[in-house]
Protein backbone atom coordinates (compact mmCIF):
# COMPACT_ATOMS: atom_id res chain seq x y z
CA MET A 1 166.02 14.59 -171.27
CA LYS A 2 168.46 11.70 -171.04
CA ALA A 3 167.85 11.51 -167.31
CA VAL A 4 164.08 11.28 -167.80
CA ALA A 5 164.51 8.51 -170.40
CA LEU A 6 166.88 6.64 -168.08
CA ILE A 7 164.43 6.87 -165.13
CA LEU A 8 161.55 5.74 -167.36
CA ALA A 9 163.58 2.78 -168.67
CA LEU A 10 164.53 1.72 -165.12
CA ALA A 11 160.90 1.95 -164.00
CA VAL A 12 159.79 -0.29 -166.89
CA ILE A 13 162.54 -2.86 -166.25
CA THR A 14 161.88 -3.07 -162.50
CA GLY A 15 158.13 -3.31 -163.14
CA CYS A 16 158.67 -6.31 -165.43
CA ASN A 17 160.41 -8.27 -162.67
CA ALA A 18 157.74 -7.67 -160.04
CA ARG A 19 155.64 -10.53 -158.72
CA ALA A 20 151.90 -10.24 -158.50
CA VAL A 21 150.40 -11.01 -155.09
CA LEU A 22 147.44 -12.88 -156.58
CA GLN A 23 149.71 -15.32 -158.39
CA ALA A 24 151.52 -16.22 -155.18
CA ASP A 25 148.20 -16.95 -153.45
CA ALA A 26 147.03 -19.02 -156.42
CA SER A 27 150.19 -21.16 -156.39
CA VAL A 28 149.79 -21.89 -152.67
CA ASN A 29 146.18 -22.96 -153.20
CA SER A 30 147.16 -25.02 -156.23
CA TRP A 31 149.89 -26.71 -154.19
CA GLU A 32 147.48 -27.53 -151.36
CA ASP A 33 144.92 -28.85 -153.85
CA THR A 34 147.55 -31.12 -155.36
CA VAL A 35 148.48 -32.49 -151.93
CA HIS A 36 144.79 -33.05 -151.15
CA ARG A 37 144.20 -34.91 -154.44
CA PHE A 38 147.25 -37.08 -153.77
CA TRP A 39 145.85 -38.15 -150.38
CA GLU A 40 142.48 -38.94 -151.97
CA TYR A 41 144.24 -41.14 -154.54
CA ILE A 42 146.12 -43.04 -151.81
CA SER A 43 142.85 -43.54 -149.92
CA GLN A 44 141.19 -44.95 -153.06
CA LEU A 45 144.10 -47.38 -153.56
CA ASN A 46 143.70 -48.68 -150.00
CA THR A 47 139.95 -49.15 -150.53
CA LYS A 48 140.49 -51.08 -153.77
CA ALA A 49 143.10 -53.36 -152.13
CA ASP A 50 140.64 -54.16 -149.34
CA GLY A 51 137.99 -54.99 -151.96
CA VAL A 52 140.29 -57.49 -153.71
CA VAL A 53 141.02 -59.27 -150.42
CA GLU A 54 137.29 -59.50 -149.63
CA ASN A 55 136.53 -60.96 -153.08
CA LEU A 56 139.10 -63.69 -152.49
CA LYS A 57 137.63 -64.48 -149.07
CA THR A 58 134.08 -64.91 -150.38
CA SER A 59 134.99 -67.26 -153.21
CA GLN A 60 132.42 -69.72 -154.54
CA PHE A 61 135.12 -72.12 -155.65
CA THR A 62 134.41 -74.86 -153.08
CA ARG A 63 130.66 -74.66 -153.62
CA GLU A 64 131.12 -75.08 -157.36
CA LEU A 65 133.37 -78.10 -156.81
CA ASP A 66 130.79 -79.70 -154.51
CA THR A 67 128.10 -79.19 -157.13
CA LEU A 68 130.33 -80.65 -159.85
CA ILE A 69 131.12 -83.74 -157.78
CA THR A 70 127.46 -84.31 -156.88
CA ASP A 71 126.31 -83.94 -160.49
CA THR A 72 129.02 -86.26 -161.81
CA MET A 73 128.20 -88.94 -159.25
CA ALA A 74 124.49 -88.72 -160.09
CA GLU A 75 125.23 -89.12 -163.81
CA LEU A 76 127.46 -92.13 -163.16
CA THR A 77 124.81 -93.79 -161.00
CA THR A 78 122.20 -93.23 -163.70
CA TYR A 79 124.57 -94.64 -166.34
CA ARG A 80 125.34 -97.72 -164.21
CA ASP A 81 121.65 -98.42 -163.60
CA ASP A 82 120.91 -98.03 -167.31
CA ILE A 83 123.63 -100.50 -168.28
CA GLN A 84 122.44 -103.00 -165.68
CA ALA A 85 118.90 -102.78 -166.99
CA LYS A 86 120.01 -103.31 -170.60
CA LEU A 87 122.41 -106.18 -169.93
CA SER A 88 120.46 -108.13 -167.31
CA PRO A 89 118.60 -110.32 -169.80
CA TYR A 90 121.84 -111.42 -171.51
CA ALA A 91 124.08 -112.50 -168.73
CA GLU A 92 123.54 -112.42 -165.02
CA THR A 93 127.18 -113.05 -164.14
CA SER A 94 128.53 -110.55 -166.64
CA THR A 95 126.17 -107.93 -165.31
CA SER A 96 127.22 -108.47 -161.73
CA GLN A 97 130.91 -108.32 -162.71
CA LEU A 98 130.30 -105.17 -164.75
CA SER A 99 128.33 -103.69 -161.87
CA GLU A 100 131.20 -104.35 -159.47
CA ASP A 101 133.71 -102.87 -161.91
CA LEU A 102 131.56 -99.80 -162.43
CA GLN A 103 131.15 -99.38 -158.67
CA LEU A 104 134.93 -99.57 -158.23
CA LEU A 105 135.39 -96.96 -160.94
CA VAL A 106 132.74 -94.72 -159.37
CA ASN A 107 134.40 -95.01 -155.96
CA LYS A 108 137.84 -94.27 -157.41
CA LEU A 109 136.54 -91.29 -159.36
CA GLN A 110 134.75 -89.94 -156.30
CA ASN A 111 137.90 -90.30 -154.18
CA ASP A 112 139.99 -88.60 -156.86
CA MET A 113 137.52 -85.74 -157.18
CA LEU A 114 137.39 -85.25 -153.40
CA ASP A 115 141.18 -85.27 -153.30
CA ALA A 116 141.29 -82.67 -156.08
CA LYS A 117 138.78 -80.56 -154.15
CA GLU A 118 140.87 -80.73 -150.97
CA ARG A 119 144.04 -79.79 -152.84
CA SER A 120 142.41 -76.92 -154.67
CA THR A 121 140.91 -75.65 -151.41
CA GLU A 122 144.36 -75.86 -149.82
CA TYR A 123 145.94 -73.99 -152.75
CA LEU A 124 143.20 -71.37 -152.59
CA GLY A 125 143.89 -70.89 -148.88
CA GLU A 126 147.60 -70.47 -149.59
CA LEU A 127 146.81 -67.97 -152.33
CA LYS A 128 144.57 -65.99 -149.97
CA THR A 129 147.31 -65.96 -147.33
CA MET A 130 149.91 -64.77 -149.84
CA MET A 131 147.57 -62.07 -151.14
CA GLU A 132 146.86 -60.85 -147.61
CA GLN A 133 150.57 -60.78 -146.78
CA ASN A 134 151.39 -58.93 -149.99
CA THR A 135 148.53 -56.50 -149.42
CA ASP A 136 149.66 -55.85 -145.85
CA ASP A 137 153.26 -55.38 -147.02
CA VAL A 138 152.23 -52.92 -149.73
CA ARG A 139 149.91 -51.12 -147.31
CA ASN A 140 152.72 -50.78 -144.74
CA ARG A 141 155.19 -49.54 -147.34
CA MET A 142 152.69 -47.08 -148.78
CA SER A 143 151.83 -45.87 -145.28
CA SER A 144 155.49 -45.28 -144.47
CA TYR A 145 156.09 -43.60 -147.80
CA THR A 146 153.01 -41.43 -147.57
CA ASN A 147 153.87 -40.35 -144.03
CA LYS A 148 157.35 -39.30 -145.18
CA LEU A 149 155.92 -37.58 -148.21
CA LYS A 150 153.27 -35.84 -146.12
CA LYS A 151 155.91 -34.51 -143.73
CA ARG A 152 157.98 -33.29 -146.66
CA LEU A 153 154.99 -31.69 -148.39
CA ASN A 154 153.87 -30.01 -145.16
CA LYS A 155 157.40 -28.69 -144.63
CA ASP A 156 157.58 -27.39 -148.21
CA THR A 157 154.08 -25.90 -147.95
CA GLU A 158 155.06 -24.12 -144.75
CA GLY A 159 158.21 -22.82 -146.46
CA ILE A 160 156.16 -21.49 -149.37
CA ARG A 161 153.72 -19.84 -146.95
CA ASN A 162 156.58 -18.21 -145.07
CA THR A 163 158.09 -16.96 -148.33
CA VAL A 164 154.73 -15.55 -149.46
CA THR A 165 154.21 -13.96 -146.03
CA THR A 166 157.66 -12.37 -146.28
CA TYR A 167 156.85 -10.88 -149.68
CA LEU A 168 153.39 -9.75 -148.61
CA GLY A 169 154.30 -8.55 -145.14
């Protein structure tokens, strides 16, 4: 009787430590799915980085500055003409002096605004260049890292497959 109980106890204990074949297959598929999702995520990151660079390239910044300069100059011309019309009956010499002063101010303002536009365009170009360099650097680093990681994951996946094949075969 003791021998039967001992054999039964050993059968139960060894049965508890057994691995199910279906679980091994499920873990391999889960592992491969995880690797696949990781590569999809890296692909999405590359796509988003390209989108940011394109948005910087198609900026409307210079067009908005041109519009601002044109509108400001038109308003100043209208203001100058209005002042000349109002002051002309009072003093011809004062009006001509004021007109010259206003024209000098308009010219100076226009030159300053054009200079600001050129500088901002230059800074925007530098920003675009820096963004492209940083994007390329990140892309190269991620590519190197993902290639190393892919090799490692493929090696580990192959090891898991071999282990599962050993247990199944």
